[in-house]
Amino acid sequence: MHNIDTLNTFLKDELAATETYQQAQDKLREDVGLGEAEDLRPIYEDHKEAVSSLQALISRLGGTPCEDSGAWGTWAKIIQGSANLLGKDTALKSLQSGEKSGADAYQEALQENELSSEIRSLIETKLLPAQQAHIRVLDRLLAVEAE
């Protein structure tokens, strides 16, 4: 049961991420055109893929995948909405903060002994490397923004 709860927590985070990136992309498209929003699209797609992987694994383990991001998703949307109002730089920093938080959660989970090898493998080969790649993309976008 612990493993399914852990996976559902990750699933909520990934659902929140997809909602937040959708919101950020929409805002960037409005403000600065397609180019900037397209930089975020691969990250959005990675989060959607993570949602699918987590849902499939939860189902395979006999659990019921959560349907929405819950309170965390609502909070993330409020934060991102506020950041979007403050401009592109603040919006990107907000996204970066979320990615770092996600990476920390995955690294923390890897410290747990009760984690099944299947879950550990998903985190090590797919979820954590994706988060780390997202952080690098956002670092690059913020560096360009600072110039």
N, C-alpha and C. Protein backbone atom coordinates (compact mmCIF):
# COMPACT_ATOMS: atom_id res chain seq x y z
N MET A 1 0.83 -1.21 0.00
CA MET A 1 0.00 0.00 0.00
C MET A 1 0.86 1.26 0.00
N HIS A 2 1.96 1.21 0.76
CA HIS A 2 2.85 2.37 0.85
C HIS A 2 3.34 2.79 -0.53
N ASN A 3 3.71 1.80 -1.35
CA ASN A 3 4.21 2.10 -2.69
C ASN A 3 3.16 2.80 -3.54
N ILE A 4 1.90 2.35 -3.45
CA ILE A 4 0.81 2.96 -4.23
C ILE A 4 0.56 4.39 -3.75
N ASP A 5 0.60 4.59 -2.43
CA ASP A 5 0.44 5.96 -1.89
C ASP A 5 1.55 6.87 -2.39
N THR A 6 2.77 6.36 -2.39
CA THR A 6 3.91 7.14 -2.87
C THR A 6 3.72 7.49 -4.34
N LEU A 7 3.31 6.50 -5.13
CA LEU A 7 3.09 6.74 -6.56
C LEU A 7 1.97 7.75 -6.79
N ASN A 8 0.90 7.66 -6.01
CA ASN A 8 -0.20 8.62 -6.17
C ASN A 8 0.23 10.03 -5.78
N THR A 9 1.12 10.14 -4.81
CA THR A 9 1.67 11.47 -4.46
C THR A 9 2.45 12.03 -5.64
N PHE A 10 3.28 11.18 -6.25
CA PHE A 10 4.02 11.61 -7.44
C PHE A 10 3.07 11.95 -8.58
N LEU A 11 2.02 11.16 -8.73
CA LEU A 11 1.04 11.39 -9.80
C LEU A 11 0.37 12.76 -9.61
N LYS A 12 -0.01 13.08 -8.38
CA LYS A 12 -0.61 14.40 -8.11
C LYS A 12 0.36 15.52 -8.50
N ASP A 13 1.64 15.33 -8.15
CA ASP A 13 2.66 16.34 -8.49
C ASP A 13 2.79 16.49 -10.00
N GLU A 14 2.79 15.37 -10.71
CA GLU A 14 2.93 15.40 -12.17
C GLU A 14 1.68 16.01 -12.83
N LEU A 15 0.50 15.70 -12.29
CA LEU A 15 -0.73 16.33 -12.80
C LEU A 15 -0.68 17.84 -12.58
N ALA A 16 -0.22 18.24 -11.39
CA ALA A 16 -0.08 19.68 -11.10
C ALA A 16 0.90 20.32 -12.07
N ALA A 17 1.98 19.61 -12.38
CA ALA A 17 2.98 20.14 -13.31
C ALA A 17 2.38 20.33 -14.71
N THR A 18 1.59 19.36 -15.18
CA THR A 18 1.00 19.50 -16.52
C THR A 18 0.06 20.71 -16.55
N GLU A 19 -0.73 20.87 -15.49
CA GLU A 19 -1.66 22.01 -15.43
C GLU A 19 -0.90 23.33 -15.40
N THR A 20 0.16 23.36 -14.62
CA THR A 20 0.96 24.58 -14.46
C THR A 20 1.67 24.94 -15.76
N TYR A 21 2.25 23.95 -16.43
CA TYR A 21 2.92 24.23 -17.70
C TYR A 21 1.93 24.65 -18.78
N GLN A 22 0.75 24.07 -18.76
CA GLN A 22 -0.28 24.48 -19.72
C GLN A 22 -0.59 25.97 -19.52
N GLN A 23 -0.76 26.35 -18.27
CA GLN A 23 -1.06 27.74 -17.92
C GLN A 23 0.09 28.67 -18.34
N ALA A 24 1.33 28.25 -18.06
CA ALA A 24 2.49 29.08 -18.41
C ALA A 24 2.63 29.22 -19.93
N GLN A 25 2.43 28.12 -20.64
CA GLN A 25 2.51 28.18 -22.11
C GLN A 25 1.46 29.12 -22.69
N ASP A 26 0.24 29.03 -22.19
CA ASP A 26 -0.83 29.90 -22.67
C ASP A 26 -0.46 31.36 -22.45
N LYS A 27 0.07 31.66 -21.26
CA LYS A 27 0.43 33.03 -20.92
C LYS A 27 1.58 33.53 -21.81
N LEU A 28 2.59 32.70 -22.02
CA LEU A 28 3.73 33.11 -22.86
C LEU A 28 3.28 33.33 -24.30
N ARG A 29 2.38 32.47 -24.78
CA ARG A 29 1.87 32.63 -26.14
C ARG A 29 1.19 33.99 -26.29
N GLU A 30 0.40 34.35 -25.28
CA GLU A 30 -0.31 35.64 -25.27
C GLU A 30 0.67 36.81 -25.29
N ASP A 31 1.69 36.72 -24.43
CA ASP A 31 2.57 37.86 -24.18
C ASP A 31 3.70 38.02 -25.18
N VAL A 32 4.36 36.93 -25.52
CA VAL A 32 5.59 37.06 -26.30
C VAL A 32 5.61 36.23 -27.57
N GLY A 33 4.53 35.58 -27.87
CA GLY A 33 4.48 34.80 -29.10
C GLY A 33 4.85 33.34 -28.90
N LEU A 34 4.84 32.64 -29.98
CA LEU A 34 4.95 31.18 -29.94
C LEU A 34 6.32 30.67 -29.51
N GLY A 35 7.39 31.32 -29.87
CA GLY A 35 8.74 30.81 -29.62
C GLY A 35 9.00 30.42 -28.18
N GLU A 36 8.74 31.32 -27.27
CA GLU A 36 8.99 31.06 -25.86
C GLU A 36 8.13 29.91 -25.33
N ALA A 37 6.88 29.89 -25.72
CA ALA A 37 5.97 28.84 -25.27
C ALA A 37 6.45 27.48 -25.78
N GLU A 38 7.00 27.47 -27.00
CA GLU A 38 7.47 26.21 -27.58
C GLU A 38 8.67 25.64 -26.81
N ASP A 39 9.45 26.50 -26.16
CA ASP A 39 10.56 26.02 -25.33
C ASP A 39 10.05 25.16 -24.17
N LEU A 40 8.84 25.46 -23.71
CA LEU A 40 8.27 24.73 -22.58
C LEU A 40 7.52 23.47 -23.00
N ARG A 41 7.17 23.38 -24.27
CA ARG A 41 6.35 22.26 -24.74
C ARG A 41 6.96 20.88 -24.44
N PRO A 42 8.28 20.66 -24.70
CA PRO A 42 8.85 19.34 -24.39
C PRO A 42 8.75 18.98 -22.90
N ILE A 43 8.87 19.99 -22.05
CA ILE A 43 8.76 19.74 -20.60
C ILE A 43 7.32 19.33 -20.27
N TYR A 44 6.37 20.05 -20.84
CA TYR A 44 4.95 19.71 -20.66
C TYR A 44 4.69 18.27 -21.11
N GLU A 45 5.23 17.91 -22.28
CA GLU A 45 5.04 16.55 -22.82
C GLU A 45 5.68 15.51 -21.90
N ASP A 46 6.85 15.81 -21.35
CA ASP A 46 7.50 14.89 -20.40
C ASP A 46 6.63 14.65 -19.18
N HIS A 47 6.03 15.72 -18.67
CA HIS A 47 5.16 15.57 -17.50
C HIS A 47 3.92 14.75 -17.84
N LYS A 48 3.37 14.95 -19.05
CA LYS A 48 2.22 14.14 -19.48
C LYS A 48 2.62 12.67 -19.57
N GLU A 49 3.80 12.41 -20.07
CA GLU A 49 4.30 11.04 -20.16
C GLU A 49 4.50 10.43 -18.77
N ALA A 50 5.01 11.23 -17.84
CA ALA A 50 5.18 10.76 -16.46
C ALA A 50 3.83 10.40 -15.84
N VAL A 51 2.80 11.21 -16.12
CA VAL A 51 1.45 10.92 -15.65
C VAL A 51 1.01 9.55 -16.16
N SER A 52 1.19 9.31 -17.44
CA SER A 52 0.79 8.01 -18.04
C SER A 52 1.55 6.85 -17.41
N SER A 53 2.86 7.01 -17.23
CA SER A 53 3.68 5.94 -16.64
C SER A 53 3.23 5.64 -15.21
N LEU A 54 2.99 6.68 -14.44
CA LEU A 54 2.57 6.49 -13.05
C LEU A 54 1.19 5.87 -12.98
N GLN A 55 0.25 6.33 -13.82
CA GLN A 55 -1.09 5.75 -13.82
C GLN A 55 -1.03 4.26 -14.16
N ALA A 56 -0.22 3.91 -15.16
CA ALA A 56 -0.11 2.51 -15.57
C ALA A 56 0.49 1.65 -14.46
N LEU A 57 1.52 2.15 -13.80
CA LEU A 57 2.17 1.39 -12.74
C LEU A 57 1.24 1.23 -11.54
N ILE A 58 0.53 2.28 -11.16
CA ILE A 58 -0.43 2.19 -10.05
C ILE A 58 -1.48 1.14 -10.35
N SER A 59 -2.02 1.16 -11.55
CA SER A 59 -3.03 0.18 -11.95
C SER A 59 -2.45 -1.24 -11.93
N ARG A 60 -1.24 -1.40 -12.46
CA ARG A 60 -0.59 -2.71 -12.50
C ARG A 60 -0.38 -3.26 -11.09
N LEU A 61 -0.13 -2.36 -10.12
CA LEU A 61 0.10 -2.78 -8.74
C LEU A 61 -1.21 -2.98 -7.98
N GLY A 62 -2.35 -2.79 -8.68
CA GLY A 62 -3.65 -3.02 -8.05
C GLY A 62 -4.24 -1.80 -7.36
N GLY A 63 -3.65 -0.65 -7.58
CA GLY A 63 -4.16 0.57 -6.97
C GLY A 63 -5.07 1.34 -7.91
N THR A 64 -5.64 2.42 -7.40
CA THR A 64 -6.47 3.31 -8.21
C THR A 64 -5.75 4.64 -8.35
N PRO A 65 -5.36 4.98 -9.58
CA PRO A 65 -4.66 6.26 -9.79
C PRO A 65 -5.58 7.44 -9.42
N CYS A 66 -5.01 8.44 -8.75
CA CYS A 66 -5.80 9.63 -8.43
C CYS A 66 -6.16 10.34 -9.74
N GLU A 67 -7.27 11.05 -9.70
CA GLU A 67 -7.82 11.68 -10.90
C GLU A 67 -7.32 13.10 -11.12
N ASP A 68 -7.00 13.80 -10.02
CA ASP A 68 -6.60 15.20 -10.18
C ASP A 68 -5.47 15.55 -9.23
N SER A 69 -4.98 16.75 -9.37
CA SER A 69 -3.82 17.18 -8.61
C SER A 69 -4.17 17.65 -7.20
N GLY A 70 -5.45 17.74 -6.90
CA GLY A 70 -5.87 18.09 -5.54
C GLY A 70 -5.46 19.49 -5.12
N ALA A 71 -5.31 19.65 -3.83
CA ALA A 71 -4.99 20.96 -3.26
C ALA A 71 -3.65 21.48 -3.76
N TRP A 72 -2.67 20.58 -3.92
CA TRP A 72 -1.35 20.99 -4.40
C TRP A 72 -1.45 21.60 -5.80
N GLY A 73 -2.26 20.99 -6.65
CA GLY A 73 -2.42 21.51 -8.00
C GLY A 73 -3.08 22.88 -8.01
N THR A 74 -4.07 23.05 -7.15
CA THR A 74 -4.74 24.35 -7.02
C THR A 74 -3.73 25.40 -6.58
N TRP A 75 -2.93 25.05 -5.57
CA TRP A 75 -1.92 25.97 -5.05
C TRP A 75 -0.89 26.30 -6.14
N ALA A 76 -0.43 25.28 -6.86
CA ALA A 76 0.57 25.49 -7.92
C ALA A 76 0.02 26.43 -8.98
N LYS A 77 -1.27 26.26 -9.33
CA LYS A 77 -1.88 27.13 -10.35
C LYS A 77 -1.98 28.57 -9.86
N ILE A 78 -2.29 28.75 -8.59
CA ILE A 78 -2.37 30.10 -8.02
C ILE A 78 -0.99 30.77 -8.06
N ILE A 79 0.02 30.02 -7.64
CA ILE A 79 1.40 30.55 -7.64
C ILE A 79 1.83 30.90 -9.06
N GLN A 80 1.60 29.96 -10.00
CA GLN A 80 2.01 30.21 -11.38
C GLN A 80 1.22 31.35 -11.98
N GLY A 81 -0.07 31.43 -11.66
CA GLY A 81 -0.89 32.53 -12.17
C GLY A 81 -0.35 33.87 -11.70
N SER A 82 0.03 33.93 -10.43
CA SER A 82 0.62 35.16 -9.88
C SER A 82 1.95 35.47 -10.56
N ALA A 83 2.76 34.43 -10.73
CA ALA A 83 4.06 34.61 -11.39
C ALA A 83 3.87 35.10 -12.82
N ASN A 84 2.89 34.52 -13.51
CA ASN A 84 2.63 34.93 -14.90
C ASN A 84 2.30 36.42 -14.97
N LEU A 85 1.57 36.93 -13.98
CA LEU A 85 1.21 38.35 -13.96
C LEU A 85 2.45 39.22 -13.77
N LEU A 86 3.46 38.68 -13.09
CA LEU A 86 4.66 39.45 -12.81
C LEU A 86 5.68 39.41 -13.94
N GLY A 87 5.42 38.60 -14.95
CA GLY A 87 6.30 38.59 -16.11
C GLY A 87 6.97 37.25 -16.35
N LYS A 88 7.61 37.18 -17.51
CA LYS A 88 8.19 35.91 -17.97
C LYS A 88 9.27 35.39 -17.03
N ASP A 89 10.15 36.25 -16.58
CA ASP A 89 11.26 35.85 -15.72
C ASP A 89 10.72 35.20 -14.44
N THR A 90 9.75 35.84 -13.82
CA THR A 90 9.16 35.31 -12.58
C THR A 90 8.43 34.00 -12.85
N ALA A 91 7.75 33.92 -13.99
CA ALA A 91 7.05 32.69 -14.35
C ALA A 91 8.05 31.54 -14.51
N LEU A 92 9.16 31.79 -15.19
CA LEU A 92 10.18 30.75 -15.39
C LEU A 92 10.80 30.34 -14.06
N LYS A 93 11.04 31.30 -13.18
CA LYS A 93 11.61 30.97 -11.86
C LYS A 93 10.64 30.12 -11.05
N SER A 94 9.36 30.41 -11.17
CA SER A 94 8.34 29.62 -10.48
C SER A 94 8.33 28.18 -11.00
N LEU A 95 8.41 28.02 -12.32
CA LEU A 95 8.46 26.68 -12.92
C LEU A 95 9.72 25.95 -12.45
N GLN A 96 10.84 26.67 -12.43
CA GLN A 96 12.10 26.07 -12.02
C GLN A 96 12.02 25.61 -10.56
N SER A 97 11.41 26.40 -9.72
CA SER A 97 11.24 26.03 -8.31
C SER A 97 10.42 24.74 -8.18
N GLY A 98 9.37 24.63 -8.99
CA GLY A 98 8.56 23.42 -8.99
C GLY A 98 9.35 22.20 -9.44
N GLU A 99 10.18 22.38 -10.47
CA GLU A 99 11.00 21.27 -10.97
C GLU A 99 12.01 20.82 -9.91
N LYS A 100 12.62 21.77 -9.22
CA LYS A 100 13.60 21.42 -8.18
C LYS A 100 12.91 20.68 -7.03
N SER A 101 11.71 21.12 -6.69
CA SER A 101 10.94 20.45 -5.64
C SER A 101 10.62 19.02 -6.05
N GLY A 102 10.24 18.83 -7.32
CA GLY A 102 9.95 17.48 -7.83
C GLY A 102 11.18 16.60 -7.81
N ALA A 103 12.31 17.14 -8.25
CA ALA A 103 13.57 16.37 -8.25
C ALA A 103 13.93 15.97 -6.82
N ASP A 104 13.77 16.89 -5.87
CA ASP A 104 14.06 16.59 -4.46
C ASP A 104 13.16 15.46 -3.96
N ALA A 105 11.89 15.49 -4.32
CA ALA A 105 10.94 14.45 -3.88
C ALA A 105 11.35 13.09 -4.43
N TYR A 106 11.77 13.05 -5.69
CA TYR A 106 12.21 11.78 -6.29
C TYR A 106 13.48 11.28 -5.60
N GLN A 107 14.42 12.18 -5.34
CA GLN A 107 15.67 11.77 -4.69
C GLN A 107 15.40 11.27 -3.27
N GLU A 108 14.48 11.94 -2.58
CA GLU A 108 14.10 11.52 -1.24
C GLU A 108 13.50 10.12 -1.26
N ALA A 109 12.63 9.86 -2.24
CA ALA A 109 11.98 8.55 -2.35
C ALA A 109 13.01 7.45 -2.57
N LEU A 110 14.08 7.76 -3.31
CA LEU A 110 15.11 6.76 -3.58
C LEU A 110 15.87 6.35 -2.31
N GLN A 111 15.77 7.16 -1.27
CA GLN A 111 16.43 6.84 0.01
C GLN A 111 15.63 5.80 0.81
N GLU A 112 14.36 5.61 0.43
CA GLU A 112 13.48 4.69 1.16
C GLU A 112 13.81 3.24 0.81
N ASN A 113 13.89 2.40 1.84
CA ASN A 113 14.19 0.99 1.62
C ASN A 113 12.98 0.21 1.14
N GLU A 114 11.76 0.67 1.48
CA GLU A 114 10.57 -0.11 1.14
C GLU A 114 10.14 0.05 -0.32
N LEU A 115 10.81 0.89 -1.05
CA LEU A 115 10.43 1.14 -2.44
C LEU A 115 10.69 -0.11 -3.29
N SER A 116 9.69 -0.51 -4.05
CA SER A 116 9.87 -1.70 -4.90
C SER A 116 10.88 -1.38 -6.00
N SER A 117 11.50 -2.44 -6.54
CA SER A 117 12.51 -2.24 -7.59
C SER A 117 11.89 -1.62 -8.84
N GLU A 118 10.62 -1.93 -9.11
CA GLU A 118 9.94 -1.38 -10.28
C GLU A 118 9.77 0.14 -10.16
N ILE A 119 9.39 0.59 -8.97
CA ILE A 119 9.22 2.03 -8.72
C ILE A 119 10.59 2.72 -8.74
N ARG A 120 11.55 2.09 -8.08
CA ARG A 120 12.91 2.65 -8.03
C ARG A 120 13.45 2.82 -9.45
N SER A 121 13.23 1.84 -10.29
CA SER A 121 13.69 1.89 -11.68
C SER A 121 13.01 3.02 -12.45
N LEU A 122 11.71 3.18 -12.28
CA LEU A 122 10.97 4.25 -12.96
C LEU A 122 11.54 5.62 -12.56
N ILE A 123 11.81 5.79 -11.27
CA ILE A 123 12.36 7.07 -10.79
C ILE A 123 13.76 7.29 -11.35
N GLU A 124 14.61 6.26 -11.27
CA GLU A 124 16.02 6.41 -11.66
C GLU A 124 16.20 6.57 -13.17
N THR A 125 15.38 5.87 -13.96
CA THR A 125 15.62 5.89 -15.40
C THR A 125 14.77 6.91 -16.15
N LYS A 126 13.65 7.34 -15.56
CA LYS A 126 12.75 8.19 -16.31
C LYS A 126 12.40 9.50 -15.57
N LEU A 127 11.83 9.36 -14.39
CA LEU A 127 11.26 10.55 -13.71
C LEU A 127 12.33 11.54 -13.26
N LEU A 128 13.34 11.07 -12.52
CA LEU A 128 14.37 11.97 -12.02
C LEU A 128 15.22 12.57 -13.14
N PRO A 129 15.70 11.76 -14.11
CA PRO A 129 16.47 12.38 -15.21
C PRO A 129 15.65 13.44 -15.97
N ALA A 130 14.35 13.23 -16.13
CA ALA A 130 13.51 14.23 -16.82
C ALA A 130 13.47 15.52 -16.01
N GLN A 131 13.28 15.41 -14.68
CA GLN A 131 13.25 16.61 -13.84
C GLN A 131 14.57 17.37 -13.96
N GLN A 132 15.68 16.64 -13.91
CA GLN A 132 16.99 17.28 -13.99
C GLN A 132 17.19 17.97 -15.34
N ALA A 133 16.69 17.35 -16.40
CA ALA A 133 16.78 17.97 -17.73
C ALA A 133 15.93 19.23 -17.79
N HIS A 134 14.75 19.19 -17.17
CA HIS A 134 13.87 20.37 -17.14
C HIS A 134 14.54 21.53 -16.42
N ILE A 135 15.21 21.24 -15.34
CA ILE A 135 15.91 22.29 -14.58
C ILE A 135 16.98 22.93 -15.47
N ARG A 136 17.70 22.10 -16.23
CA ARG A 136 18.75 22.65 -17.13
C ARG A 136 18.13 23.54 -18.20
N VAL A 137 17.00 23.13 -18.78
CA VAL A 137 16.33 23.95 -19.80
C VAL A 137 15.91 25.28 -19.19
N LEU A 138 15.30 25.23 -18.01
CA LEU A 138 14.85 26.47 -17.36
C LEU A 138 16.04 27.35 -16.97
N ASP A 139 17.13 26.73 -16.52
CA ASP A 139 18.36 27.49 -16.24
C ASP A 139 18.80 28.26 -17.48
N ARG A 140 18.79 27.55 -18.62
CA ARG A 140 19.21 28.16 -19.89
C ARG A 140 18.27 29.30 -20.28
N LEU A 141 16.96 29.09 -20.16
CA LEU A 141 15.99 30.13 -20.50
C LEU A 141 16.14 31.35 -19.58
N LEU A 142 16.40 31.10 -18.31
CA LEU A 142 16.60 32.21 -17.37
C LEU A 142 17.90 32.96 -17.66
N ALA A 143 18.93 32.24 -18.07
CA ALA A 143 20.22 32.88 -18.42
C ALA A 143 20.03 33.78 -19.63
N VAL A 144 19.28 33.32 -20.62
CA VAL A 144 19.00 34.12 -21.81
C VAL A 144 18.19 35.35 -21.41
N GLU A 145 17.25 35.15 -20.50
CA GLU A 145 16.38 36.23 -20.03
C GLU A 145 17.19 37.31 -19.32
N ALA A 146 18.26 36.89 -18.61
CA ALA A 146 19.07 37.82 -17.81
C ALA A 146 20.00 38.66 -18.66
N GLU A 147 20.26 38.23 -19.88
CA GLU A 147 21.23 38.96 -20.73
C GLU A 147 20.70 40.29 -21.19
